[in-house]
Amino acid sequence: MSRQRSTQNVTTDAGEARITWFPATTAAGPRFVLAASHGAGGGIEARDLKALAAALPGHGVTVALVEQPWRVAGKKVAPAPKTLDTGWRGLWPALAAPGPPVVSAGRSAGARVACRTATELGAAAVLALSFPLHPPGKPEKSRADELLGTGVPTLVVQGGNDPFGRPEEFPPGPYELAEVPYGDHGFAVPKRSGLSEAETMEILTGAVTKWLAALG
């Protein structure tokens, strides 16, 4: 694959999806493909996805930012989880085509998709950004089973003030958890935190880079 950013449309049973590729820039080529999708309320312009696409290629990781079919079609509301999973399954052959092991990733609703499908699709690992452990204000409606059931090495990166689940709310389990201090669901931090957006993204990308290095 070219070292230049490129886009690829992929037809799935849920409609046409799109991958934006950010190839690894290291001489040895990619160790992994990190395939990451967006949440239910936004696209691949999310600050955390953009930060990973900028940081990881220099560490030997090709980043593939995935737009689900509903987003490509211009719709404003995400479909049911089952439809999101269908789109992700349809994308997987294209994500695996370059050859390196694929780390299945996503933010919020995309993180849930990655968790639910990891074992089935043969993902090397899962990166869950802002995992929505529960709806805001409804901790009794836990989605912990999705996170606990990935069956592969998993890293959760969570904002310290995420209303969908603060780090201390997460149950013990076979996964790692990294905190972005003061971060909300989109990893924005208040001015009083003393942290800039650049600093919060360095915390996030640093945690992911370290975890990927430990994977192989």
N, C-alpha and C. Protein backbone atom coordinates (compact mmCIF):
# COMPACT_ATOMS: atom_id res chain seq x y z
N MET A 1 0.84 -1.20 0.00
CA MET A 1 0.00 0.00 0.00
C MET A 1 0.88 1.25 0.00
N SER A 2 0.43 2.28 -0.69
CA SER A 2 1.14 3.55 -0.74
C SER A 2 1.27 4.14 0.65
N ARG A 3 2.33 4.94 0.86
CA ARG A 3 2.52 5.61 2.14
C ARG A 3 1.65 6.87 2.24
N GLN A 4 0.87 7.15 1.19
CA GLN A 4 0.02 8.33 1.20
C GLN A 4 -1.38 8.00 1.71
N ARG A 5 -1.99 8.97 2.36
CA ARG A 5 -3.38 8.81 2.80
C ARG A 5 -4.27 8.53 1.59
N SER A 6 -5.21 7.62 1.76
CA SER A 6 -6.12 7.28 0.66
C SER A 6 -7.46 6.86 1.22
N THR A 7 -8.49 6.86 0.37
CA THR A 7 -9.81 6.42 0.79
C THR A 7 -10.25 5.24 -0.06
N GLN A 8 -11.10 4.42 0.52
CA GLN A 8 -11.58 3.21 -0.14
C GLN A 8 -13.03 3.00 0.24
N ASN A 9 -13.90 2.87 -0.73
CA ASN A 9 -15.29 2.55 -0.47
C ASN A 9 -15.48 1.05 -0.47
N VAL A 10 -16.29 0.55 0.45
CA VAL A 10 -16.51 -0.88 0.60
C VAL A 10 -18.01 -1.13 0.69
N THR A 11 -18.52 -2.04 -0.13
CA THR A 11 -19.94 -2.38 -0.09
C THR A 11 -20.18 -3.47 0.94
N THR A 12 -21.10 -3.20 1.86
CA THR A 12 -21.46 -4.17 2.89
C THR A 12 -22.96 -4.45 2.81
N ASP A 13 -23.42 -5.43 3.57
CA ASP A 13 -24.85 -5.74 3.60
C ASP A 13 -25.66 -4.64 4.29
N ALA A 14 -24.99 -3.69 4.92
CA ALA A 14 -25.67 -2.55 5.56
C ALA A 14 -25.57 -1.29 4.70
N GLY A 15 -24.95 -1.41 3.53
CA GLY A 15 -24.75 -0.25 2.67
C GLY A 15 -23.28 0.00 2.40
N GLU A 16 -22.99 1.10 1.73
CA GLU A 16 -21.61 1.41 1.37
C GLU A 16 -20.90 2.13 2.51
N ALA A 17 -19.76 1.57 2.90
CA ALA A 17 -18.94 2.15 3.96
C ALA A 17 -17.67 2.75 3.33
N ARG A 18 -16.89 3.44 4.14
CA ARG A 18 -15.68 4.08 3.62
C ARG A 18 -14.54 3.95 4.62
N ILE A 19 -13.37 3.62 4.11
CA ILE A 19 -12.15 3.54 4.92
C ILE A 19 -11.19 4.63 4.48
N THR A 20 -10.67 5.38 5.42
CA THR A 20 -9.58 6.32 5.14
C THR A 20 -8.31 5.74 5.74
N TRP A 21 -7.34 5.47 4.87
CA TRP A 21 -6.10 4.80 5.28
C TRP A 21 -5.01 5.82 5.59
N PHE A 22 -4.31 5.58 6.69
CA PHE A 22 -3.12 6.35 7.08
C PHE A 22 -1.98 5.34 7.25
N PRO A 23 -1.22 5.06 6.19
CA PRO A 23 -0.24 3.97 6.23
C PRO A 23 0.92 4.25 7.18
N ALA A 24 1.44 3.16 7.73
CA ALA A 24 2.65 3.25 8.56
C ALA A 24 3.78 3.87 7.76
N THR A 25 4.58 4.69 8.42
CA THR A 25 5.66 5.39 7.73
C THR A 25 7.04 4.85 8.09
N THR A 26 7.09 3.80 8.90
CA THR A 26 8.37 3.23 9.30
C THR A 26 8.95 2.38 8.17
N ALA A 27 10.27 2.28 8.15
CA ALA A 27 10.95 1.55 7.08
C ALA A 27 10.53 0.08 7.05
N ALA A 28 10.28 -0.49 8.21
CA ALA A 28 9.93 -1.90 8.28
C ALA A 28 8.48 -2.18 7.88
N GLY A 29 7.70 -1.10 7.69
CA GLY A 29 6.30 -1.29 7.35
C GLY A 29 5.46 -1.55 8.59
N PRO A 30 4.18 -1.83 8.41
CA PRO A 30 3.26 -1.91 9.54
C PRO A 30 3.38 -3.21 10.34
N ARG A 31 3.31 -3.06 11.67
CA ARG A 31 3.20 -4.22 12.56
C ARG A 31 1.75 -4.61 12.75
N PHE A 32 0.89 -3.61 12.74
CA PHE A 32 -0.55 -3.80 12.91
C PHE A 32 -1.31 -2.86 11.98
N VAL A 33 -2.55 -3.22 11.71
CA VAL A 33 -3.54 -2.27 11.20
C VAL A 33 -4.48 -1.98 12.37
N LEU A 34 -4.60 -0.72 12.74
CA LEU A 34 -5.57 -0.31 13.75
C LEU A 34 -6.79 0.22 13.00
N ALA A 35 -7.88 -0.54 13.05
CA ALA A 35 -9.11 -0.17 12.36
C ALA A 35 -10.08 0.42 13.36
N ALA A 36 -10.42 1.70 13.21
CA ALA A 36 -11.22 2.40 14.22
C ALA A 36 -12.42 3.07 13.60
N SER A 37 -13.58 2.85 14.23
CA SER A 37 -14.81 3.50 13.76
C SER A 37 -15.29 4.52 14.77
N HIS A 38 -16.20 5.35 14.31
CA HIS A 38 -16.71 6.49 15.09
C HIS A 38 -17.87 6.07 15.98
N GLY A 39 -18.41 7.04 16.70
CA GLY A 39 -19.54 6.79 17.57
C GLY A 39 -20.87 7.03 16.87
N ALA A 40 -21.94 7.05 17.67
CA ALA A 40 -23.28 7.19 17.11
C ALA A 40 -23.64 8.64 16.82
N GLY A 41 -22.84 9.58 17.30
CA GLY A 41 -23.19 10.98 17.12
C GLY A 41 -22.17 11.79 16.35
N GLY A 42 -21.19 11.13 15.75
CA GLY A 42 -20.15 11.87 15.04
C GLY A 42 -19.41 10.99 14.06
N GLY A 43 -18.39 11.54 13.45
CA GLY A 43 -17.64 10.80 12.44
C GLY A 43 -16.17 10.67 12.77
N ILE A 44 -15.37 10.45 11.73
CA ILE A 44 -13.95 10.20 11.95
C ILE A 44 -13.17 11.48 12.23
N GLU A 45 -13.87 12.61 12.28
CA GLU A 45 -13.20 13.87 12.64
C GLU A 45 -13.07 14.02 14.15
N ALA A 46 -13.54 13.04 14.93
CA ALA A 46 -13.41 13.09 16.39
C ALA A 46 -11.94 13.26 16.78
N ARG A 47 -11.71 14.04 17.82
CA ARG A 47 -10.33 14.41 18.19
C ARG A 47 -9.45 13.20 18.49
N ASP A 48 -10.02 12.17 19.13
CA ASP A 48 -9.19 11.02 19.47
C ASP A 48 -8.82 10.21 18.23
N LEU A 49 -9.74 10.06 17.30
CA LEU A 49 -9.43 9.31 16.07
C LEU A 49 -8.40 10.06 15.23
N LYS A 50 -8.55 11.38 15.13
CA LYS A 50 -7.58 12.17 14.38
C LYS A 50 -6.20 12.10 15.02
N ALA A 51 -6.16 12.11 16.35
CA ALA A 51 -4.87 12.05 17.05
C ALA A 51 -4.17 10.71 16.81
N LEU A 52 -4.92 9.63 16.83
CA LEU A 52 -4.32 8.31 16.58
C LEU A 52 -3.83 8.20 15.14
N ALA A 53 -4.60 8.74 14.20
CA ALA A 53 -4.19 8.68 12.79
C ALA A 53 -2.91 9.49 12.55
N ALA A 54 -2.70 10.53 13.36
CA ALA A 54 -1.49 11.35 13.22
C ALA A 54 -0.29 10.71 13.91
N ALA A 55 -0.53 10.04 15.04
CA ALA A 55 0.58 9.57 15.87
C ALA A 55 1.07 8.16 15.54
N LEU A 56 0.17 7.25 15.23
CA LEU A 56 0.56 5.84 15.16
C LEU A 56 1.36 5.43 13.92
N PRO A 57 1.13 6.01 12.73
CA PRO A 57 1.93 5.58 11.58
C PRO A 57 3.44 5.67 11.79
N GLY A 58 3.88 6.65 12.57
CA GLY A 58 5.30 6.78 12.86
C GLY A 58 5.83 5.72 13.80
N HIS A 59 4.92 4.95 14.39
CA HIS A 59 5.29 3.84 15.28
C HIS A 59 5.03 2.48 14.62
N GLY A 60 4.90 2.47 13.32
CA GLY A 60 4.75 1.21 12.61
C GLY A 60 3.35 0.64 12.64
N VAL A 61 2.35 1.51 12.77
CA VAL A 61 0.96 1.05 12.78
C VAL A 61 0.19 1.80 11.69
N THR A 62 -0.39 1.05 10.77
CA THR A 62 -1.29 1.64 9.78
C THR A 62 -2.65 1.87 10.44
N VAL A 63 -3.19 3.06 10.28
CA VAL A 63 -4.48 3.39 10.86
C VAL A 63 -5.53 3.44 9.75
N ALA A 64 -6.64 2.75 9.98
CA ALA A 64 -7.76 2.77 9.04
C ALA A 64 -8.97 3.34 9.78
N LEU A 65 -9.36 4.57 9.42
CA LEU A 65 -10.54 5.18 10.04
C LEU A 65 -11.76 4.81 9.21
N VAL A 66 -12.73 4.23 9.87
CA VAL A 66 -13.88 3.63 9.20
C VAL A 66 -15.13 4.47 9.41
N GLU A 67 -15.82 4.78 8.30
CA GLU A 67 -17.13 5.43 8.37
C GLU A 67 -18.19 4.38 8.05
N GLN A 68 -19.07 4.17 9.02
CA GLN A 68 -20.14 3.19 8.84
C GLN A 68 -21.11 3.64 7.75
N PRO A 69 -21.83 2.69 7.13
CA PRO A 69 -22.72 3.04 6.02
C PRO A 69 -23.72 4.15 6.31
N TRP A 70 -24.26 4.18 7.53
CA TRP A 70 -25.23 5.23 7.83
C TRP A 70 -24.62 6.62 7.74
N ARG A 71 -23.35 6.69 8.11
CA ARG A 71 -22.65 7.98 8.07
C ARG A 71 -22.33 8.38 6.62
N VAL A 72 -21.89 7.40 5.84
CA VAL A 72 -21.58 7.66 4.42
C VAL A 72 -22.84 8.11 3.68
N ALA A 73 -23.98 7.56 4.07
CA ALA A 73 -25.25 7.90 3.42
C ALA A 73 -25.80 9.26 3.85
N GLY A 74 -25.12 9.90 4.80
CA GLY A 74 -25.54 11.22 5.23
C GLY A 74 -26.63 11.25 6.29
N LYS A 75 -26.91 10.10 6.89
CA LYS A 75 -27.92 10.06 7.94
C LYS A 75 -27.35 10.61 9.25
N LYS A 76 -28.22 11.11 10.10
CA LYS A 76 -27.77 11.75 11.33
C LYS A 76 -27.94 10.87 12.56
N VAL A 77 -28.65 9.78 12.42
CA VAL A 77 -28.90 8.89 13.55
C VAL A 77 -28.39 7.49 13.22
N ALA A 78 -27.61 6.91 14.12
CA ALA A 78 -27.06 5.58 13.89
C ALA A 78 -28.16 4.53 13.97
N PRO A 79 -28.03 3.45 13.21
CA PRO A 79 -29.01 2.36 13.27
C PRO A 79 -28.78 1.49 14.50
N ALA A 80 -29.54 0.41 14.58
CA ALA A 80 -29.45 -0.51 15.71
C ALA A 80 -28.08 -1.18 15.77
N PRO A 81 -27.65 -1.62 16.97
CA PRO A 81 -26.35 -2.28 17.10
C PRO A 81 -26.15 -3.43 16.11
N LYS A 82 -27.19 -4.21 15.87
CA LYS A 82 -27.07 -5.34 14.95
C LYS A 82 -26.66 -4.88 13.56
N THR A 83 -27.19 -3.74 13.11
CA THR A 83 -26.84 -3.20 11.79
C THR A 83 -25.41 -2.68 11.79
N LEU A 84 -24.98 -2.07 12.87
CA LEU A 84 -23.58 -1.62 12.98
C LEU A 84 -22.63 -2.81 12.89
N ASP A 85 -22.98 -3.90 13.55
CA ASP A 85 -22.14 -5.11 13.49
C ASP A 85 -22.09 -5.65 12.07
N THR A 86 -23.21 -5.60 11.36
CA THR A 86 -23.25 -6.08 9.98
C THR A 86 -22.30 -5.26 9.09
N GLY A 87 -22.32 -3.95 9.26
CA GLY A 87 -21.42 -3.10 8.50
C GLY A 87 -19.96 -3.41 8.79
N TRP A 88 -19.64 -3.62 10.06
CA TRP A 88 -18.25 -3.91 10.48
C TRP A 88 -17.78 -5.24 9.91
N ARG A 89 -18.66 -6.24 9.94
CA ARG A 89 -18.30 -7.53 9.36
C ARG A 89 -18.00 -7.40 7.87
N GLY A 90 -18.81 -6.61 7.18
CA GLY A 90 -18.61 -6.44 5.75
C GLY A 90 -17.32 -5.71 5.39
N LEU A 91 -16.86 -4.88 6.31
CA LEU A 91 -15.61 -4.13 6.11
C LEU A 91 -14.38 -4.97 6.39
N TRP A 92 -14.53 -5.98 7.21
CA TRP A 92 -13.36 -6.68 7.74
C TRP A 92 -12.41 -7.24 6.68
N PRO A 93 -12.90 -7.87 5.60
CA PRO A 93 -11.95 -8.38 4.59
C PRO A 93 -11.05 -7.29 4.02
N ALA A 94 -11.60 -6.09 3.82
CA ALA A 94 -10.78 -4.99 3.31
C ALA A 94 -9.77 -4.53 4.35
N LEU A 95 -10.17 -4.55 5.62
CA LEU A 95 -9.26 -4.14 6.69
C LEU A 95 -8.12 -5.14 6.88
N ALA A 96 -8.42 -6.42 6.65
CA ALA A 96 -7.41 -7.47 6.81
C ALA A 96 -6.54 -7.64 5.57
N ALA A 97 -6.98 -7.11 4.43
CA ALA A 97 -6.28 -7.35 3.16
C ALA A 97 -4.81 -6.94 3.15
N PRO A 98 -4.41 -5.84 3.81
CA PRO A 98 -2.99 -5.48 3.78
C PRO A 98 -2.06 -6.54 4.38
N GLY A 99 -2.58 -7.39 5.28
CA GLY A 99 -1.78 -8.50 5.80
C GLY A 99 -1.46 -8.49 7.27
N PRO A 100 -1.08 -7.35 7.87
CA PRO A 100 -0.75 -7.37 9.30
C PRO A 100 -1.97 -7.69 10.16
N PRO A 101 -1.75 -8.15 11.40
CA PRO A 101 -2.87 -8.37 12.32
C PRO A 101 -3.68 -7.09 12.49
N VAL A 102 -4.99 -7.25 12.61
CA VAL A 102 -5.88 -6.10 12.73
C VAL A 102 -6.32 -5.94 14.18
N VAL A 103 -6.09 -4.74 14.73
CA VAL A 103 -6.61 -4.37 16.03
C VAL A 103 -7.94 -3.68 15.79
N SER A 104 -9.01 -4.23 16.33
CA SER A 104 -10.35 -3.70 16.14
C SER A 104 -10.59 -2.60 17.17
N ALA A 105 -10.96 -1.42 16.69
CA ALA A 105 -11.06 -0.27 17.58
C ALA A 105 -12.28 0.57 17.23
N GLY A 106 -12.63 1.44 18.16
CA GLY A 106 -13.72 2.37 17.92
C GLY A 106 -13.94 3.22 19.13
N ARG A 107 -14.70 4.29 18.92
CA ARG A 107 -15.06 5.13 20.06
C ARG A 107 -16.56 4.99 20.31
N SER A 108 -16.94 4.92 21.58
CA SER A 108 -18.33 4.87 22.01
C SER A 108 -19.07 3.70 21.35
N ALA A 109 -20.09 3.97 20.52
CA ALA A 109 -20.82 2.88 19.86
C ALA A 109 -19.88 2.01 19.02
N GLY A 110 -18.86 2.64 18.44
CA GLY A 110 -17.87 1.88 17.66
C GLY A 110 -17.05 0.95 18.53
N ALA A 111 -16.81 1.36 19.77
CA ALA A 111 -16.09 0.48 20.70
C ALA A 111 -16.93 -0.75 21.04
N ARG A 112 -18.23 -0.56 21.17
CA ARG A 112 -19.11 -1.69 21.45
C ARG A 112 -19.09 -2.68 20.29
N VAL A 113 -19.12 -2.17 19.06
CA VAL A 113 -19.05 -3.03 17.87
C VAL A 113 -17.75 -3.84 17.89
N ALA A 114 -16.64 -3.17 18.16
CA ALA A 114 -15.35 -3.86 18.18
C ALA A 114 -15.33 -4.97 19.22
N CYS A 115 -15.91 -4.69 20.39
CA CYS A 115 -15.95 -5.70 21.45
C CYS A 115 -16.82 -6.89 21.07
N ARG A 116 -17.99 -6.60 20.52
CA ARG A 116 -18.95 -7.68 20.22
C ARG A 116 -18.46 -8.63 19.14
N THR A 117 -17.65 -8.12 18.20
CA THR A 117 -17.29 -8.91 17.02
C THR A 117 -15.85 -9.41 17.01
N ALA A 118 -15.06 -9.08 18.04
CA ALA A 118 -13.62 -9.34 18.00
C ALA A 118 -13.27 -10.81 17.78
N THR A 119 -13.85 -11.68 18.58
CA THR A 119 -13.51 -13.10 18.48
C THR A 119 -13.96 -13.68 17.15
N GLU A 120 -15.17 -13.36 16.76
CA GLU A 120 -15.75 -13.86 15.51
C GLU A 120 -14.89 -13.49 14.30
N LEU A 121 -14.37 -12.27 14.28
CA LEU A 121 -13.64 -11.78 13.11
C LEU A 121 -12.15 -12.07 13.17
N GLY A 122 -11.67 -12.55 14.31
CA GLY A 122 -10.25 -12.85 14.43
C GLY A 122 -9.38 -11.64 14.69
N ALA A 123 -9.93 -10.64 15.38
CA ALA A 123 -9.15 -9.46 15.73
C ALA A 123 -7.98 -9.84 16.63
N ALA A 124 -6.84 -9.16 16.44
CA ALA A 124 -5.68 -9.41 17.28
C ALA A 124 -5.88 -8.84 18.68
N ALA A 125 -6.65 -7.77 18.77
CA ALA A 125 -6.88 -7.08 20.04
C ALA A 125 -8.01 -6.09 19.83
N VAL A 126 -8.44 -5.45 20.92
CA VAL A 126 -9.50 -4.44 20.86
C VAL A 126 -9.04 -3.18 21.58
N LEU A 127 -9.25 -2.04 20.95
CA LEU A 127 -9.05 -0.74 21.58
C LEU A 127 -10.41 -0.08 21.69
N ALA A 128 -10.86 0.15 22.93
CA ALA A 128 -12.16 0.75 23.19
C ALA A 128 -11.97 2.17 23.72
N LEU A 129 -12.32 3.15 22.91
CA LEU A 129 -12.20 4.55 23.29
C LEU A 129 -13.55 5.04 23.80
N SER A 130 -13.58 5.61 25.00
CA SER A 130 -14.83 6.10 25.59
C SER A 130 -15.91 5.02 25.54
N PHE A 131 -15.59 3.85 26.09
CA PHE A 131 -16.57 2.76 26.09
C PHE A 131 -17.80 3.19 26.89
N PRO A 132 -19.00 3.12 26.28
CA PRO A 132 -20.21 3.55 26.98
C PRO A 132 -20.71 2.46 27.92
N LEU A 133 -20.13 2.42 29.09
CA LEU A 133 -20.43 1.36 30.06
C LEU A 133 -21.92 1.32 30.40
N HIS A 134 -22.55 2.49 30.41
CA HIS A 134 -23.99 2.58 30.67
C HIS A 134 -24.49 3.90 30.12
N PRO A 135 -25.79 4.03 29.87
CA PRO A 135 -26.33 5.34 29.48
C PRO A 135 -26.12 6.33 30.63
N PRO A 136 -25.95 7.61 30.32
CA PRO A 136 -25.75 8.60 31.39
C PRO A 136 -26.85 8.55 32.43
N GLY A 137 -26.45 8.48 33.70
CA GLY A 137 -27.40 8.47 34.80
C GLY A 137 -28.12 7.15 35.02
N LYS A 138 -27.72 6.11 34.28
CA LYS A 138 -28.40 4.82 34.41
C LYS A 138 -27.37 3.69 34.60
N PRO A 139 -26.61 3.72 35.69
CA PRO A 139 -25.56 2.72 35.89
C PRO A 139 -26.10 1.29 35.96
N GLU A 140 -27.40 1.15 36.25
CA GLU A 140 -27.96 -0.20 36.33
C GLU A 140 -28.05 -0.86 34.95
N LYS A 141 -28.00 -0.07 33.90
CA LYS A 141 -28.07 -0.62 32.53
C LYS A 141 -26.66 -0.82 31.98
N SER A 142 -25.95 -1.73 32.60
CA SER A 142 -24.53 -1.93 32.29
C SER A 142 -24.33 -2.72 31.00
N ARG A 143 -23.30 -2.33 30.26
CA ARG A 143 -22.88 -3.06 29.06
C ARG A 143 -21.54 -3.75 29.28
N ALA A 144 -21.23 -4.00 30.54
CA ALA A 144 -19.93 -4.58 30.88
C ALA A 144 -19.72 -5.94 30.22
N ASP A 145 -20.82 -6.68 29.97
CA ASP A 145 -20.65 -8.00 29.38
C ASP A 145 -20.00 -7.93 28.01
N GLU A 146 -20.27 -6.87 27.25
CA GLU A 146 -19.64 -6.73 25.93
C GLU A 146 -18.12 -6.56 26.08
N LEU A 147 -17.72 -5.74 27.03
CA LEU A 147 -16.30 -5.49 27.26
C LEU A 147 -15.60 -6.73 27.81
N LEU A 148 -16.25 -7.41 28.72
CA LEU A 148 -15.64 -8.58 29.35
C LEU A 148 -15.59 -9.78 28.41
N GLY A 149 -16.34 -9.72 27.32
CA GLY A 149 -16.43 -10.88 26.43
C GLY A 149 -15.62 -10.78 25.16
N THR A 150 -14.66 -9.86 25.07
CA THR A 150 -13.93 -9.70 23.80
C THR A 150 -13.12 -10.94 23.44
N GLY A 151 -12.54 -11.60 24.44
CA GLY A 151 -11.74 -12.79 24.19
C GLY A 151 -10.35 -12.52 23.66
N VAL A 152 -9.96 -11.25 23.57
CA VAL A 152 -8.64 -10.87 23.07
C VAL A 152 -8.08 -9.76 23.97
N PRO A 153 -6.77 -9.46 23.89
CA PRO A 153 -6.23 -8.34 24.67
C PRO A 153 -7.00 -7.06 24.37
N THR A 154 -7.36 -6.34 25.43
CA THR A 154 -8.24 -5.17 25.27
C THR A 154 -7.73 -4.01 26.11
N LEU A 155 -7.73 -2.83 25.50
CA LEU A 155 -7.40 -1.60 26.21
C LEU A 155 -8.59 -0.66 26.13
N VAL A 156 -9.02 -0.16 27.28
CA VAL A 156 -10.04 0.88 27.36
C VAL A 156 -9.33 2.20 27.68
N VAL A 157 -9.62 3.23 26.90
CA VAL A 157 -9.15 4.58 27.23
C VAL A 157 -10.39 5.40 27.54
N GLN A 158 -10.46 5.89 28.79
CA GLN A 158 -11.70 6.51 29.28
C GLN A 158 -11.41 7.87 29.90
N GLY A 159 -12.28 8.82 29.64
CA GLY A 159 -12.17 10.12 30.28
C GLY A 159 -12.55 10.05 31.75
N GLY A 160 -11.86 10.79 32.58
CA GLY A 160 -12.12 10.75 34.01
C GLY A 160 -13.50 11.22 34.40
N ASN A 161 -14.13 12.05 33.55
CA ASN A 161 -15.47 12.55 33.84
C ASN A 161 -16.48 12.11 32.78
N ASP A 162 -16.30 10.94 32.22
CA ASP A 162 -17.20 10.47 31.18
C ASP A 162 -18.56 10.07 31.80
N PRO A 163 -19.65 10.74 31.41
CA PRO A 163 -20.95 10.41 32.00
C PRO A 163 -21.46 9.02 31.60
N PHE A 164 -20.85 8.43 30.58
CA PHE A 164 -21.21 7.07 30.17
C PHE A 164 -20.43 6.01 30.97
N GLY A 165 -19.65 6.44 31.92
CA GLY A 165 -18.88 5.52 32.75
C GLY A 165 -17.53 6.09 33.10
N ARG A 166 -17.34 6.48 34.34
CA ARG A 166 -16.04 6.96 34.79
C ARG A 166 -15.14 5.76 35.07
N PRO A 167 -13.83 5.94 35.00
CA PRO A 167 -12.92 4.80 35.16
C PRO A 167 -13.18 3.96 36.41
N GLU A 168 -13.52 4.62 37.53
CA GLU A 168 -13.73 3.87 38.77
C GLU A 168 -14.99 3.02 38.74
N GLU A 169 -15.86 3.24 37.78
CA GLU A 169 -17.08 2.44 37.66
C GLU A 169 -16.86 1.11 36.94
N PHE A 170 -15.74 0.98 36.27
CA PHE A 170 -15.52 -0.23 35.47
C PHE A 170 -15.21 -1.42 36.37
N PRO A 171 -15.79 -2.58 36.05
CA PRO A 171 -15.56 -3.77 36.87
C PRO A 171 -14.18 -4.35 36.62
N PRO A 172 -13.66 -5.14 37.55
CA PRO A 172 -12.41 -5.86 37.29
C PRO A 172 -12.60 -6.78 36.09
N GLY A 173 -11.54 -6.99 35.36
CA GLY A 173 -11.67 -7.87 34.19
C GLY A 173 -10.36 -8.05 33.47
N PRO A 174 -10.37 -8.89 32.45
CA PRO A 174 -9.15 -9.17 31.69
C PRO A 174 -8.88 -8.11 30.63
N TYR A 175 -8.78 -6.87 31.06
CA TYR A 175 -8.49 -5.79 30.13
C TYR A 175 -7.67 -4.73 30.87
N GLU A 176 -7.06 -3.84 30.12
CA GLU A 176 -6.33 -2.73 30.70
C GLU A 176 -7.16 -1.46 30.56
N LEU A 177 -6.96 -0.52 31.47
CA LEU A 177 -7.71 0.72 31.42
C LEU A 177 -6.76 1.89 31.63
N ALA A 178 -6.81 2.85 30.71
CA ALA A 178 -6.01 4.07 30.83
C ALA A 178 -6.96 5.25 30.94
N GLU A 179 -6.66 6.16 31.84
CA GLU A 179 -7.53 7.31 32.09
C GLU A 179 -6.96 8.58 31.48
N VAL A 180 -7.83 9.34 30.83
CA VAL A 180 -7.50 10.70 30.41
C VAL A 180 -8.12 11.63 31.46
N PRO A 181 -7.30 12.22 32.34
CA PRO A 181 -7.84 13.00 33.46
C PRO A 181 -8.80 14.10 33.00
N TYR A 182 -9.90 14.21 33.71
CA TYR A 182 -10.91 15.26 33.50
C TYR A 182 -11.68 15.13 32.19
N GLY A 183 -11.35 14.18 31.35
CA GLY A 183 -11.96 14.09 30.04
C GLY A 183 -13.43 13.69 30.09
N ASP A 184 -14.22 14.28 29.18
CA ASP A 184 -15.62 13.87 29.06
C ASP A 184 -15.72 12.76 28.01
N HIS A 185 -16.91 12.51 27.49
CA HIS A 185 -17.09 11.40 26.56
C HIS A 185 -16.33 11.61 25.25
N GLY A 186 -16.08 12.87 24.90
CA GLY A 186 -15.31 13.18 23.70
C GLY A 186 -13.87 13.56 24.01
N PHE A 187 -13.44 13.32 25.26
CA PHE A 187 -12.09 13.65 25.75
C PHE A 187 -11.82 15.15 25.77
N ALA A 188 -12.88 15.96 25.80
CA ALA A 188 -12.69 17.38 26.06
C ALA A 188 -12.48 17.56 27.56
N VAL A 189 -11.62 18.53 27.93
CA VAL A 189 -11.36 18.79 29.35
C VAL A 189 -11.67 20.26 29.67
N PRO A 190 -12.13 20.54 30.89
CA PRO A 190 -12.42 21.92 31.26
C PRO A 190 -11.13 22.74 31.41
N LYS A 191 -11.24 24.03 31.23
CA LYS A 191 -10.07 24.90 31.33
C LYS A 191 -9.40 24.81 32.70
N ARG A 192 -10.24 24.61 33.74
CA ARG A 192 -9.70 24.56 35.09
C ARG A 192 -8.79 23.35 35.31
N SER A 193 -8.82 22.38 34.39
CA SER A 193 -7.96 21.20 34.54
C SER A 193 -6.49 21.53 34.36
N GLY A 194 -6.22 22.64 33.65
CA GLY A 194 -4.84 23.00 33.37
C GLY A 194 -4.23 22.21 32.22
N LEU A 195 -5.02 21.35 31.59
CA LEU A 195 -4.54 20.55 30.47
C LEU A 195 -5.06 21.13 29.16
N SER A 196 -4.20 21.15 28.16
CA SER A 196 -4.63 21.55 26.82
C SER A 196 -5.13 20.33 26.06
N GLU A 197 -5.81 20.57 24.94
CA GLU A 197 -6.26 19.44 24.13
C GLU A 197 -5.06 18.64 23.63
N ALA A 198 -4.00 19.34 23.26
CA ALA A 198 -2.79 18.64 22.78
C ALA A 198 -2.24 17.71 23.86
N GLU A 199 -2.25 18.19 25.10
CA GLU A 199 -1.72 17.37 26.20
C GLU A 199 -2.61 16.15 26.47
N THR A 200 -3.93 16.35 26.40
CA THR A 200 -4.82 15.21 26.63
C THR A 200 -4.67 14.17 25.52
N MET A 201 -4.48 14.64 24.30
CA MET A 201 -4.30 13.69 23.18
C MET A 201 -2.95 12.98 23.27
N GLU A 202 -1.96 13.65 23.84
CA GLU A 202 -0.66 12.98 24.05
C GLU A 202 -0.80 11.88 25.10
N ILE A 203 -1.61 12.12 26.12
CA ILE A 203 -1.87 11.07 27.12
C ILE A 203 -2.53 9.87 26.45
N LEU A 204 -3.53 10.16 25.62
CA LEU A 204 -4.27 9.09 24.93
C LEU A 204 -3.37 8.32 23.97
N THR A 205 -2.69 9.03 23.08
CA THR A 205 -1.87 8.33 22.07
C THR A 205 -0.68 7.64 22.72
N GLY A 206 -0.17 8.20 23.81
CA GLY A 206 0.93 7.56 24.52
C GLY A 206 0.51 6.23 25.11
N ALA A 207 -0.68 6.20 25.71
CA ALA A 207 -1.18 4.95 26.28
C ALA A 207 -1.40 3.89 25.21
N VAL A 208 -1.96 4.30 24.07
CA VAL A 208 -2.22 3.35 22.99
C VAL A 208 -0.91 2.85 22.38
N THR A 209 0.03 3.74 22.17
CA THR A 209 1.32 3.37 21.58
C THR A 209 2.05 2.36 22.48
N LYS A 210 2.06 2.61 23.79
CA LYS A 210 2.71 1.72 24.74
C LYS A 210 2.05 0.35 24.73
N TRP A 211 0.73 0.33 24.70
CA TRP A 211 -0.03 -0.94 24.70
C TRP A 211 0.25 -1.72 23.43
N LEU A 212 0.24 -1.04 22.28
CA LEU A 212 0.51 -1.73 21.01
C LEU A 212 1.94 -2.28 20.96
N ALA A 213 2.88 -1.54 21.55
CA ALA A 213 4.27 -2.02 21.57
C ALA A 213 4.38 -3.30 22.39
N ALA A 214 3.59 -3.40 23.45
CA ALA A 214 3.62 -4.60 24.30
C ALA A 214 2.97 -5.79 23.60
N LEU A 215 2.04 -5.51 22.67
CA LEU A 215 1.38 -6.60 21.95
C LEU A 215 2.33 -7.31 20.99
N GLY A 216 3.29 -6.56 20.45
CA GLY A 216 4.23 -7.20 19.51
C GLY A 216 4.75 -6.23 18.48
